[in-house]
Every structure is written in C-alpha cells, then in structure tokens.
C-alpha cells in the first residue's frame, strides 16, 4: 500500500469536501475487508486521460 500511495502525486488538488476524492476512505475499506495483501500483489496500470477532448 505504501508503494501505491507514493504514486498518487496530485492528491492536493482533490476537493476535500467531496468524499469521492478522498483516498483515505478507500484505504479504510481496503483494510476493513482485509484486501491489502491481495491488492499489493496485483499488477495494474491505470491510464487516465481527457476522454479525447480537443482544445
């Protein structure tokens, strides 16, 4: 989980009032469901973009 957390570099831009942007809640659920080890073994690449919008 530490490695995953270190990859989140733009967290400060998230709106703290919007629970959808709060990673701490997500991590709490992961811990409650005892999924830390299975998730740490996953090999995942998350690609995010602009949905093809052109300026």
C-alpha atoms as a PDB file:
ATOM      1  CA  UNK A   1       0.000   0.000   0.000  1.00  0.00           C
ATOM      2  CA  UNK A   2       2.909   2.366   0.638  1.00  0.00           C
ATOM      3  CA  UNK A   3       4.096   1.942  -2.937  1.00  0.00           C
ATOM      4  CA  UNK A   4       0.582   2.635  -4.207  1.00  0.00           C
ATOM      5  CA  UNK A   5       0.246   5.719  -2.032  1.00  0.00           C
ATOM      6  CA  UNK A   6       3.568   7.081  -3.256  1.00  0.00           C
ATOM      7  CA  UNK A   7       2.260   7.092  -6.828  1.00  0.00           C
ATOM      8  CA  UNK A   8      -0.589   9.469  -6.014  1.00  0.00           C
ATOM      9  CA  UNK A   9       1.116  12.779  -6.706  1.00  0.00           C
ATOM     10  CA  UNK A  10      -1.843  15.107  -7.317  1.00  0.00           C
ATOM     11  CA  UNK A  11      -3.833  14.419  -4.150  1.00  0.00           C
ATOM     12  CA  UNK A  12      -3.575  18.020  -3.006  1.00  0.00           C
ATOM     13  CA  UNK A  13      -5.717  19.083  -5.979  1.00  0.00           C
ATOM     14  CA  UNK A  14      -8.622  16.964  -4.794  1.00  0.00           C
ATOM     15  CA  UNK A  15     -11.615  18.688  -3.256  1.00  0.00           C
ATOM     16  CA  UNK A  16     -11.569  17.613   0.403  1.00  0.00           C
ATOM     17  CA  UNK A  17     -15.320  18.203   0.763  1.00  0.00           C
ATOM     18  CA  UNK A  18     -16.124  15.646  -1.929  1.00  0.00           C
ATOM     19  CA  UNK A  19     -15.959  12.148  -0.438  1.00  0.00           C
ATOM     20  CA  UNK A  20     -15.452  10.768  -3.948  1.00  0.00           C
ATOM     21  CA  UNK A  21     -11.983  12.327  -3.973  1.00  0.00           C
ATOM     22  CA  UNK A  22     -10.839  11.031  -0.593  1.00  0.00           C
ATOM     23  CA  UNK A  23      -8.405   8.161  -0.868  1.00  0.00           C
ATOM     24  CA  UNK A  24      -8.270   7.731   2.908  1.00  0.00           C
ATOM     25  CA  UNK A  25     -11.825   6.359   2.893  1.00  0.00           C
ATOM     26  CA  UNK A  26     -10.874   3.895   0.158  1.00  0.00           C
ATOM     27  CA  UNK A  27      -7.850   2.718   2.158  1.00  0.00           C
ATOM     28  CA  UNK A  28     -10.010   2.285   5.259  1.00  0.00           C
ATOM     29  CA  UNK A  29     -12.371  -0.013   3.345  1.00  0.00           C
ATOM     30  CA  UNK A  30      -9.443  -1.965   1.898  1.00  0.00           C
ATOM     31  CA  UNK A  31      -8.141  -2.556   5.433  1.00  0.00           C
ATOM     32  CA  UNK A  32     -11.594  -3.471   6.786  1.00  0.00           C
ATOM     33  CA  UNK A  33     -12.056  -6.048   4.028  1.00  0.00           C
ATOM     34  CA  UNK A  34      -8.534  -7.417   4.591  1.00  0.00           C
ATOM     35  CA  UNK A  35      -7.590  -6.796   0.960  1.00  0.00           C
ATOM     36  CA  UNK A  36      -4.197  -5.149   1.471  1.00  0.00           C
ATOM     37  CA  UNK A  37      -2.165  -8.233   0.564  1.00  0.00           C
ATOM     38  CA  UNK A  38      -4.227  -9.290  -2.494  1.00  0.00           C
ATOM     39  CA  UNK A  39      -4.178  -5.732  -3.830  1.00  0.00           C
ATOM     40  CA  UNK A  40      -0.440  -5.395  -3.268  1.00  0.00           C
ATOM     41  CA  UNK A  41       0.077  -8.494  -5.446  1.00  0.00           C
ATOM     42  CA  UNK A  42      -1.937  -7.083  -8.351  1.00  0.00           C
ATOM     43  CA  UNK A  43      -0.093  -5.830 -11.422  1.00  0.00           C
ATOM     44  CA  UNK A  44      -2.154  -2.868 -12.589  1.00  0.00           C
ATOM     45  CA  UNK A  45      -1.537   0.144 -14.790  1.00  0.00           C
ATOM     46  CA  UNK A  46      -4.128   2.914 -14.549  1.00  0.00           C
ATOM     47  CA  UNK A  47      -4.215   5.152 -17.595  1.00  0.00           C
ATOM     48  CA  UNK A  48      -6.154   8.383 -17.244  1.00  0.00           C
ATOM     49  CA  UNK A  49      -6.793  10.978 -19.893  1.00  0.00           C
ATOM     50  CA  UNK A  50      -9.045  13.686 -21.227  1.00  0.00           C
ATOM     51  CA  UNK A  51     -11.579  11.436 -22.983  1.00  0.00           C
ATOM     52  CA  UNK A  52     -10.280  12.608 -26.351  1.00  0.00           C
ATOM     53  CA  UNK A  53     -11.303  16.229 -25.942  1.00  0.00           C
ATOM     54  CA  UNK A  54      -9.540  18.655 -28.250  1.00  0.00           C
ATOM     55  CA  UNK A  55      -8.897  22.269 -27.250  1.00  0.00           C
END
